[in-house]
PDB file of N, CA and C in Angstrom:
ATOM      1  N   UNK A   1      13.584 -22.253 -11.097  1.00  0.00           N
ATOM      2  CA  UNK A   1      12.939 -22.454  -9.707  1.00  0.00           C
ATOM      3  C   UNK A   1      13.981 -22.319  -8.587  1.00  0.00           C
ATOM      4  N   UNK A   2      12.676 -21.471  -7.624  1.00  0.00           N
ATOM      5  CA  UNK A   2      13.414 -20.473  -6.211  1.00  0.00           C
ATOM      6  C   UNK A   2      12.598 -21.255  -5.566  1.00  0.00           C
ATOM      7  N   UNK A   3      13.035 -21.986  -4.371  1.00  0.00           N
ATOM      8  CA  UNK A   3      12.642 -22.454  -3.291  1.00  0.00           C
ATOM      9  C   UNK A   3      13.549 -22.014  -2.035  1.00  0.00           C
ATOM     10  N   UNK A   4      12.475 -21.606  -1.712  1.00  0.00           N
ATOM     11  CA  UNK A   4      13.027 -20.621  -0.202  1.00  0.00           C
ATOM     12  C   UNK A   4      14.388 -19.742  -0.292  1.00  0.00           C
ATOM     13  N   UNK A   5      14.468 -18.830  -1.534  1.00  0.00           N
ATOM     14  CA  UNK A   5      15.335 -18.071  -1.743  1.00  0.00           C
ATOM     15  C   UNK A   5      16.417 -18.494  -2.657  1.00  0.00           C
ATOM     16  N   UNK A   6      16.596 -20.594  -2.528  1.00  0.00           N
ATOM     17  CA  UNK A   6      17.720 -20.981  -3.151  1.00  0.00           C
ATOM     18  C   UNK A   6      17.412 -21.304  -4.219  1.00  0.00           C
ATOM     19  N   UNK A   7      18.347 -21.135  -5.599  1.00  0.00           N
ATOM     20  CA  UNK A   7      18.437 -21.330  -7.044  1.00  0.00           C
ATOM     21  C   UNK A   7      18.468 -22.679  -6.907  1.00  0.00           C
ATOM     22  N   UNK A   8      18.605 -23.636  -8.142  1.00  0.00           N
ATOM     23  CA  UNK A   8      18.675 -24.520  -9.179  1.00  0.00           C
ATOM     24  C   UNK A   8      20.360 -24.829  -8.480  1.00  0.00           C
ATOM     25  N   UNK A   9      21.207 -24.059  -8.622  1.00  0.00           N
ATOM     26  CA  UNK A   9      22.826 -24.418  -8.493  1.00  0.00           C
ATOM     27  C   UNK A   9      22.931 -24.585  -7.230  1.00  0.00           C
ATOM     28  N   UNK A  10      22.713 -23.810  -6.288  1.00  0.00           N
ATOM     29  CA  UNK A  10      22.833 -24.056  -5.122  1.00  0.00           C
ATOM     30  C   UNK A  10      21.825 -25.446  -4.245  1.00  0.00           C
ATOM     31  N   UNK A  11      20.826 -25.624  -4.834  1.00  0.00           N
ATOM     32  CA  UNK A  11      20.058 -26.679  -4.059  1.00  0.00           C
ATOM     33  C   UNK A  11      21.132 -28.043  -4.829  1.00  0.00           C
ATOM     34  N   UNK A  12      21.778 -28.128  -6.141  1.00  0.00           N
ATOM     35  CA  UNK A  12      22.417 -29.103  -6.570  1.00  0.00           C
ATOM     36  C   UNK A  12      23.574 -29.121  -5.202  1.00  0.00           C
ATOM     37  N   UNK A  13      24.567 -28.091  -4.936  1.00  0.00           N
ATOM     38  CA  UNK A  13      25.505 -28.166  -4.093  1.00  0.00           C
ATOM     39  C   UNK A  13      25.099 -29.250  -2.856  1.00  0.00           C
ATOM     40  N   UNK A  14      23.623 -28.511  -2.334  1.00  0.00           N
ATOM     41  CA  UNK A  14      23.618 -28.626  -1.148  1.00  0.00           C
ATOM     42  C   UNK A  14      23.386 -30.222  -1.116  1.00  0.00           C
ATOM     43  N   UNK A  15      22.487 -30.600  -2.396  1.00  0.00           N
ATOM     44  CA  UNK A  15      22.433 -32.249  -2.205  1.00  0.00           C
ATOM     45  C   UNK A  15      24.019 -33.389  -3.046  1.00  0.00           C
ATOM     46  N   UNK A  16      24.699 -32.590  -3.252  1.00  0.00           N
ATOM     47  CA  UNK A  16      26.236 -33.084  -2.781  1.00  0.00           C
ATOM     48  C   UNK A  16      26.477 -33.355  -1.946  1.00  0.00           C
ATOM     49  N   UNK A  17      26.889 -32.476  -1.490  1.00  0.00           N
ATOM     50  CA  UNK A  17      27.189 -32.313  -0.141  1.00  0.00           C
ATOM     51  C   UNK A  17      26.357 -33.111   0.800  1.00  0.00           C
ATOM     52  N   UNK A  18      25.261 -32.936   1.076  1.00  0.00           N
ATOM     53  CA  UNK A  18      24.469 -34.309   1.763  1.00  0.00           C
ATOM     54  C   UNK A  18      24.826 -35.191   1.558  1.00  0.00           C
ATOM     55  N   UNK A  19      24.929 -35.683   0.235  1.00  0.00           N
ATOM     56  CA  UNK A  19      25.325 -37.345  -0.315  1.00  0.00           C
ATOM     57  C   UNK A  19      26.615 -37.219   0.432  1.00  0.00           C
ATOM     58  N   UNK A  20      27.579 -36.959   0.330  1.00  0.00           N
ATOM     59  CA  UNK A  20      29.021 -37.160   0.554  1.00  0.00           C
ATOM     60  C   UNK A  20      28.393 -37.305   2.357  1.00  0.00           C
ATOM     61  N   UNK A  21      27.979 -36.261   3.084  1.00  0.00           N
ATOM     62  CA  UNK A  21      28.163 -36.311   4.407  1.00  0.00           C
ATOM     63  C   UNK A  21      27.285 -37.674   4.978  1.00  0.00           C
ATOM     64  N   UNK A  22      26.095 -37.780   4.612  1.00  0.00           N
ATOM     65  CA  UNK A  22      25.765 -38.908   5.085  1.00  0.00           C
ATOM     66  C   UNK A  22      25.262 -40.419   4.232  1.00  0.00           C
ATOM     67  N   UNK A  23      25.639 -40.535   3.189  1.00  0.00           N
ATOM     68  CA  UNK A  23      25.601 -41.430   2.482  1.00  0.00           C
ATOM     69  C   UNK A  23      24.515 -41.636   1.559  1.00  0.00           C
ATOM     70  N   UNK A  24      24.336 -42.550   0.542  1.00  0.00           N
ATOM     71  CA  UNK A  24      23.364 -42.948  -0.182  1.00  0.00           C
ATOM     72  C   UNK A  24      22.302 -43.886   0.546  1.00  0.00           C
ATOM     73  N   UNK A  25      22.604 -44.478   1.667  1.00  0.00           N
ATOM     74  CA  UNK A  25      21.676 -45.307   2.221  1.00  0.00           C
ATOM     75  C   UNK A  25      20.736 -44.074   3.434  1.00  0.00           C
ATOM     76  N   UNK A  26      21.394 -43.699   3.846  1.00  0.00           N
ATOM     77  CA  UNK A  26      20.854 -42.526   4.721  1.00  0.00           C
ATOM     78  C   UNK A  26      20.338 -41.310   4.519  1.00  0.00           C
ATOM     79  N   UNK A  27      20.322 -40.872   3.039  1.00  0.00           N
ATOM     80  CA  UNK A  27      19.610 -39.804   2.357  1.00  0.00           C
ATOM     81  C   UNK A  27      18.226 -39.981   2.147  1.00  0.00           C
ATOM     82  N   UNK A  28      17.356 -41.131   2.016  1.00  0.00           N
ATOM     83  CA  UNK A  28      16.233 -40.858   1.675  1.00  0.00           C
ATOM     84  C   UNK A  28      15.452 -40.955   2.966  1.00  0.00           C
ATOM     85  N   UNK A  29      16.043 -41.141   4.316  1.00  0.00           N
ATOM     86  CA  UNK A  29      15.357 -41.341   5.611  1.00  0.00           C
ATOM     87  C   UNK A  29      15.423 -40.045   6.093  1.00  0.00           C
ATOM     88  N   UNK A  30      17.052 -39.404   5.652  1.00  0.00           N
ATOM     89  CA  UNK A  30      16.712 -38.094   6.046  1.00  0.00           C
ATOM     90  C   UNK A  30      15.854 -36.800   5.285  1.00  0.00           C
ATOM     91  N   UNK A  31      15.304 -37.500   4.034  1.00  0.00           N
ATOM     92  CA  UNK A  31      14.407 -36.642   3.227  1.00  0.00           C
ATOM     93  C   UNK A  31      13.069 -37.021   3.840  1.00  0.00           C
ATOM     94  N   UNK A  32      12.775 -37.936   3.712  1.00  0.00           N
ATOM     95  CA  UNK A  32      11.393 -38.210   4.438  1.00  0.00           C
ATOM     96  C   UNK A  32      11.360 -37.490   5.667  1.00  0.00           C
ATOM     97  N   UNK A  33      12.045 -37.446   6.724  1.00  0.00           N
ATOM     98  CA  UNK A  33      11.771 -37.062   7.994  1.00  0.00           C
ATOM     99  C   UNK A  33      11.832 -35.380   7.709  1.00  0.00           C
ATOM    100  N   UNK A  34      12.556 -34.751   6.778  1.00  0.00           N
ATOM    101  CA  UNK A  34      12.425 -33.386   6.377  1.00  0.00           C
ATOM    102  C   UNK A  34      11.189 -32.964   5.779  1.00  0.00           C
ATOM    103  N   UNK A  35      10.819 -34.046   4.832  1.00  0.00           N
ATOM    104  CA  UNK A  35       9.238 -33.625   4.910  1.00  0.00           C
ATOM    105  C   UNK A  35       8.378 -33.744   5.521  1.00  0.00           C
ATOM    106  N   UNK A  36       8.487 -34.445   6.224  1.00  0.00           N
ATOM    107  CA  UNK A  36       7.138 -34.799   7.498  1.00  0.00           C
ATOM    108  C   UNK A  36       7.292 -33.470   8.529  1.00  0.00           C
ATOM    109  N   UNK A  37       8.249 -33.120   8.415  1.00  0.00           N
ATOM    110  CA  UNK A  37       8.692 -31.952   9.628  1.00  0.00           C
ATOM    111  C   UNK A  37       7.807 -30.578   8.874  1.00  0.00           C
ATOM    112  N   UNK A  38       8.454 -30.503   7.160  1.00  0.00           N
ATOM    113  CA  UNK A  38       7.769 -29.095   6.890  1.00  0.00           C
ATOM    114  C   UNK A  38       6.274 -29.407   6.747  1.00  0.00           C
ATOM    115  N   UNK A  39       5.960 -30.563   6.212  1.00  0.00           N
ATOM    116  CA  UNK A  39       4.768 -30.943   6.453  1.00  0.00           C
ATOM    117  C   UNK A  39       3.764 -30.464   7.754  1.00  0.00           C
ATOM    118  N   UNK A  40       4.179 -30.761   8.831  1.00  0.00           N
ATOM    119  CA  UNK A  40       3.719 -30.607  10.100  1.00  0.00           C
ATOM    120  C   UNK A  40       3.867 -29.083  10.274  1.00  0.00           C
ATOM    121  N   UNK A  41       4.615 -28.169   9.859  1.00  0.00           N
ATOM    122  CA  UNK A  41       4.606 -26.866  10.474  1.00  0.00           C
ATOM    123  C   UNK A  41       3.665 -26.526   9.027  1.00  0.00           C
ATOM    124  N   UNK A  42       3.394 -26.696   7.885  1.00  0.00           N
ATOM    125  CA  UNK A  42       2.257 -26.032   7.531  1.00  0.00           C
ATOM    126  C   UNK A  42       1.283 -26.155   7.944  1.00  0.00           C
ATOM    127  N   UNK A  43       0.957 -27.356   8.556  1.00  0.00           N
ATOM    128  CA  UNK A  43      -0.242 -27.747   9.087  1.00  0.00           C
ATOM    129  C   UNK A  43      -0.842 -27.019   9.861  1.00  0.00           C
ATOM    130  N   UNK A  44       0.429 -26.848  11.076  1.00  0.00           N
ATOM    131  CA  UNK A  44       0.161 -25.989  12.536  1.00  0.00           C
ATOM    132  C   UNK A  44       0.005 -24.503  12.134  1.00  0.00           C
ATOM    133  N   UNK A  45       0.786 -23.998  10.650  1.00  0.00           N
ATOM    134  CA  UNK A  45       0.498 -22.980  10.458  1.00  0.00           C
ATOM    135  C   UNK A  45      -1.057 -22.431   9.694  1.00  0.00           C
ATOM    136  N   UNK A  46      -1.161 -23.494   9.018  1.00  0.00           N
ATOM    137  CA  UNK A  46      -2.787 -23.558   8.527  1.00  0.00           C
ATOM    138  C   UNK A  46      -3.700 -23.164   9.406  1.00  0.00           C
ATOM    139  N   UNK A  47      -3.657 -24.556  10.566  1.00  0.00           N
ATOM    140  CA  UNK A  47      -4.431 -24.274  11.836  1.00  0.00           C
ATOM    141  C   UNK A  47      -4.351 -23.022  12.471  1.00  0.00           C
ATOM    142  N   UNK A  48      -3.158 -22.368  13.005  1.00  0.00           N
ATOM    143  CA  UNK A  48      -3.565 -21.108  13.595  1.00  0.00           C
ATOM    144  C   UNK A  48      -4.015 -20.221  12.580  1.00  0.00           C
ATOM    145  N   UNK A  49      -3.717 -20.098  11.169  1.00  0.00           N
ATOM    146  CA  UNK A  49      -4.627 -19.071  10.695  1.00  0.00           C
ATOM    147  C   UNK A  49      -6.238 -19.543  10.597  1.00  0.00           C
ATOM    148  N   UNK A  50      -6.740 -20.453  10.044  1.00  0.00           N
ATOM    149  CA  UNK A  50      -8.115 -20.933  10.430  1.00  0.00           C
ATOM    150  C   UNK A  50      -8.465 -20.300  11.963  1.00  0.00           C
ATOM    151  N   UNK A  51      -7.863 -20.546  12.895  1.00  0.00           N
ATOM    152  CA  UNK A  51      -8.460 -20.513  14.221  1.00  0.00           C
ATOM    153  C   UNK A  51      -9.005 -18.674  14.285  1.00  0.00           C
ATOM    154  N   UNK A  52      -7.489 -18.295  13.440  1.00  0.00           N
ATOM    155  CA  UNK A  52      -7.442 -16.353  13.857  1.00  0.00           C
ATOM    156  C   UNK A  52      -8.691 -15.968  13.231  1.00  0.00           C
ATOM    157  N   UNK A  53      -8.421 -17.053  11.751  1.00  0.00           N
ATOM    158  CA  UNK A  53     -10.009 -15.938  10.776  1.00  0.00           C
ATOM    159  C   UNK A  53     -11.182 -16.534  11.698  1.00  0.00           C
ATOM    160  N   UNK A  54     -11.125 -17.718  12.201  1.00  0.00           N
ATOM    161  CA  UNK A  54     -12.485 -17.883  12.998  1.00  0.00           C
ATOM    162  C   UNK A  54     -12.916 -16.519  14.255  1.00  0.00           C
ATOM    163  N   UNK A  55     -11.946 -16.483  15.422  1.00  0.00           N
ATOM    164  CA  UNK A  55     -12.142 -15.375  15.935  1.00  0.00           C
ATOM    165  C   UNK A  55     -12.195 -13.856  15.523  1.00  0.00           C
ATOM    166  N   UNK A  56     -11.698 -13.832  14.677  1.00  0.00           N
ATOM    167  CA  UNK A  56     -12.141 -12.316  13.979  1.00  0.00           C
ATOM    168  C   UNK A  56     -13.484 -12.200  13.594  1.00  0.00           C
ATOM    169  N   UNK A  57     -13.935 -13.533  12.802  1.00  0.00           N
ATOM    170  CA  UNK A  57     -15.427 -13.436  12.305  1.00  0.00           C
ATOM    171  C   UNK A  57     -16.065 -13.514  14.177  1.00  0.00           C
ATOM    172  N   UNK A  58     -15.720 -14.197  14.620  1.00  0.00           N
ATOM    173  CA  UNK A  58     -16.690 -14.330  16.098  1.00  0.00           C
ATOM    174  C   UNK A  58     -16.606 -12.895  16.659  1.00  0.00           C
ATOM    175  N   UNK A  59     -15.360 -12.108  16.573  1.00  0.00           N
ATOM    176  CA  UNK A  59     -15.529 -11.031  17.275  1.00  0.00           C
ATOM    177  C   UNK A  59     -16.206  -9.609  16.424  1.00  0.00           C
ATOM    178  N   UNK A  60     -16.239  -9.871  14.800  1.00  0.00           N
ATOM    179  CA  UNK A  60     -16.803  -8.859  14.140  1.00  0.00           C
ATOM    180  C   UNK A  60     -18.467  -8.580  14.068  1.00  0.00           C
ATOM    181  N   UNK A  61     -19.229 -10.252  14.711  1.00  0.00           N
ATOM    182  CA  UNK A  61     -20.464 -10.488  14.614  1.00  0.00           C
ATOM    183  C   UNK A  61     -20.707  -9.814  16.178  1.00  0.00           C
ATOM    184  N   UNK A  62     -20.295 -10.104  17.212  1.00  0.00           N
ATOM    185  CA  UNK A  62     -20.203  -9.464  18.522  1.00  0.00           C
ATOM    186  C   UNK A  62     -20.271  -8.001  18.074  1.00  0.00           C
ATOM    187  N   UNK A  63     -19.230  -7.379  17.184  1.00  0.00           N
ATOM    188  CA  UNK A  63     -19.539  -6.049  17.260  1.00  0.00           C
ATOM    189  C   UNK A  63     -20.857  -5.690  16.514  1.00  0.00           C
ATOM    190  N   UNK A  64     -20.827  -6.424  15.828  1.00  0.00           N
ATOM    191  CA  UNK A  64     -22.292  -6.066  14.551  1.00  0.00           C
ATOM    192  C   UNK A  64     -23.203  -6.036  15.638  1.00  0.00           C
ATOM    193  N   UNK A  65     -23.524  -7.241  16.273  1.00  0.00           N
ATOM    194  CA  UNK A  65     -24.643  -7.365  17.329  1.00  0.00           C
ATOM    195  C   UNK A  65     -24.625  -6.170  17.929  1.00  0.00           C
ATOM    196  N   UNK A  66     -24.057  -5.782  18.807  1.00  0.00           N
ATOM    197  CA  UNK A  66     -23.615  -4.849  19.904  1.00  0.00           C
ATOM    198  C   UNK A  66     -23.858  -3.312  19.074  1.00  0.00           C
ATOM    199  N   UNK A  67     -23.732  -2.896  17.749  1.00  0.00           N
ATOM    200  CA  UNK A  67     -24.115  -1.692  17.343  1.00  0.00           C
ATOM    201  C   UNK A  67     -25.595  -2.050  16.879  1.00  0.00           C
ATOM    202  N   UNK A  68     -26.133  -3.133  16.694  1.00  0.00           N
ATOM    203  CA  UNK A  68     -27.433  -3.001  16.371  1.00  0.00           C
ATOM    204  C   UNK A  68     -28.076  -2.903  17.570  1.00  0.00           C
ATOM    205  N   UNK A  69     -27.973  -3.672  18.746  1.00  0.00           N
ATOM    206  CA  UNK A  69     -28.454  -3.501  20.013  1.00  0.00           C
ATOM    207  C   UNK A  69     -28.568  -1.973  20.858  1.00  0.00           C
ATOM    208  N   UNK A  70     -27.416  -1.464  20.514  1.00  0.00           N
ATOM    209  CA  UNK A  70     -27.229  -0.262  21.396  1.00  0.00           C
ATOM    210  C   UNK A  70     -28.003   1.053  20.320  1.00  0.00           C
ATOM    211  N   UNK A  71     -28.937   1.802  20.422  1.00  0.00           N
ATOM    212  CA  UNK A  71     -29.347   3.199  20.196  1.00  0.00           C
ATOM    213  C   UNK A  71     -28.113   3.888  20.154  1.00  0.00           C
ATOM    214  N   UNK A  72     -28.108   4.302  18.859  1.00  0.00           N
ATOM    215  CA  UNK A  72     -27.238   5.776  18.394  1.00  0.00           C
ATOM    216  C   UNK A  72     -27.332   6.995  18.877  1.00  0.00           C
ATOM    217  N   UNK A  73     -26.209   7.606  19.380  1.00  0.00           N
ATOM    218  CA  UNK A  73     -26.860   8.735  20.209  1.00  0.00           C
ATOM    219  C   UNK A  73     -25.515   9.353  20.400  1.00  0.00           C
ATOM    220  N   UNK A  74     -26.105  10.516  19.380  1.00  0.00           N
ATOM    221  CA  UNK A  74     -25.064  11.537  19.150  1.00  0.00           C
ATOM    222  C   UNK A  74     -25.292  12.853  19.970  1.00  0.00           C
ATOM    223  N   UNK A  75     -24.302  13.114  20.549  1.00  0.00           N
ATOM    224  CA  UNK A  75     -24.515  14.710  21.824  1.00  0.00           C
ATOM    225  C   UNK A  75     -23.754  15.318  20.810  1.00  0.00           C
ATOM    226  N   UNK A  76     -24.413  16.975  20.879  1.00  0.00           N
ATOM    227  CA  UNK A  76     -23.344  17.620  20.218  1.00  0.00           C
ATOM    228  C   UNK A  76     -22.197  18.107  21.159  1.00  0.00           C
ATOM    229  N   UNK A  77     -20.887  18.587  20.388  1.00  0.00           N
ATOM    230  CA  UNK A  77     -19.814  18.216  21.209  1.00  0.00           C
ATOM    231  C   UNK A  77     -19.989  19.578  21.734  1.00  0.00           C
ATOM    232  N   UNK A  78     -19.442  19.862  23.248  1.00  0.00           N
ATOM    233  CA  UNK A  78     -19.103  21.125  23.909  1.00  0.00           C
ATOM    234  C   UNK A  78     -18.500  21.778  23.807  1.00  0.00           C
ATOM    235  N   UNK A  79     -18.122  22.945  24.036  1.00  0.00           N
ATOM    236  CA  UNK A  79     -16.879  23.855  23.546  1.00  0.00           C
ATOM    237  C   UNK A  79     -16.788  24.211  25.162  1.00  0.00           C
ATOM    238  N   UNK A  80     -15.290  24.924  25.398  1.00  0.00           N
ATOM    239  CA  UNK A  80     -14.767  24.961  26.469  1.00  0.00           C
ATOM    240  C   UNK A  80     -15.272  26.313  27.438  1.00  0.00           C
ATOM    241  N   UNK A  81     -16.418  27.016  26.623  1.00  0.00           N
ATOM    242  CA  UNK A  81     -16.787  27.775  27.379  1.00  0.00           C
ATOM    243  C   UNK A  81     -17.939  27.208  28.110  1.00  0.00           C
ATOM    244  N   UNK A  82     -18.587  26.635  27.414  1.00  0.00           N
ATOM    245  CA  UNK A  82     -20.015  25.744  27.939  1.00  0.00           C
ATOM    246  C   UNK A  82     -19.459  24.966  28.931  1.00  0.00           C
ATOM    247  N   UNK A  83     -18.547  24.035  28.764  1.00  0.00           N
ATOM    248  CA  UNK A  83     -18.336  23.265  30.319  1.00  0.00           C
ATOM    249  C   UNK A  83     -18.079  24.233  31.096  1.00  0.00           C
ATOM    250  N   UNK A  84     -17.305  25.152  30.964  1.00  0.00           N
ATOM    251  CA  UNK A  84     -16.781  26.081  32.128  1.00  0.00           C
ATOM    252  C   UNK A  84     -17.894  26.669  32.669  1.00  0.00           C
ATOM    253  N   UNK A  85     -18.925  27.231  31.952  1.00  0.00           N
ATOM    254  CA  UNK A  85     -19.813  28.114  32.426  1.00  0.00           C
ATOM    255  C   UNK A  85     -20.920  26.731  33.119  1.00  0.00           C
ATOM    256  N   UNK A  86     -21.138  25.830  32.830  1.00  0.00           N
ATOM    257  CA  UNK A  86     -22.012  24.798  33.319  1.00  0.00           C
ATOM    258  C   UNK A  86     -21.383  24.009  34.868  1.00  0.00           C
ATOM    259  N   UNK A  87     -19.982  24.373  35.373  1.00  0.00           N
ATOM    260  CA  UNK A  87     -19.583  24.197  36.039  1.00  0.00           C
ATOM    261  C   UNK A  87     -19.192  25.243  37.242  1.00  0.00           C
ATOM    262  N   UNK A  88     -19.835  26.041  37.029  1.00  0.00           N
ATOM    263  CA  UNK A  88     -19.670  27.194  37.873  1.00  0.00           C
ATOM    264  C   UNK A  88     -21.052  27.723  38.753  1.00  0.00           C
ATOM    265  N   UNK A  89     -21.105  27.635  39.838  1.00  0.00           N
ATOM    266  CA  UNK A  89     -22.217  27.822  40.702  1.00  0.00           C
ATOM    267  C   UNK A  89     -23.131  29.156  39.844  1.00  0.00           C
ATOM    268  N   UNK A  90     -24.545  29.277  39.836  1.00  0.00           N
ATOM    269  CA  UNK A  90     -25.157  30.568  39.419  1.00  0.00           C
ATOM    270  C   UNK A  90     -25.283  31.139  40.740  1.00  0.00           C
TER     271      UNK A  90
END
């Protein structure tokens, strides 16, 4: 079992230290508040991810629509000689 890069032995040590510091009466309350905080971070992350995905899809639609509406015009590349001779008056 590996949570946040912490193995089972390390988790046990953390739990024992927390039990000694906060006592058995406060520990469930602290656990609930930590759980709520983690859950809110997960929800915020999920909301951000969904919003980012929606924006990316909208941008993709705009690009597709613009590409379909604009005619494709491909001009041949001009060499340096062509541009130099066209800029000089005859």
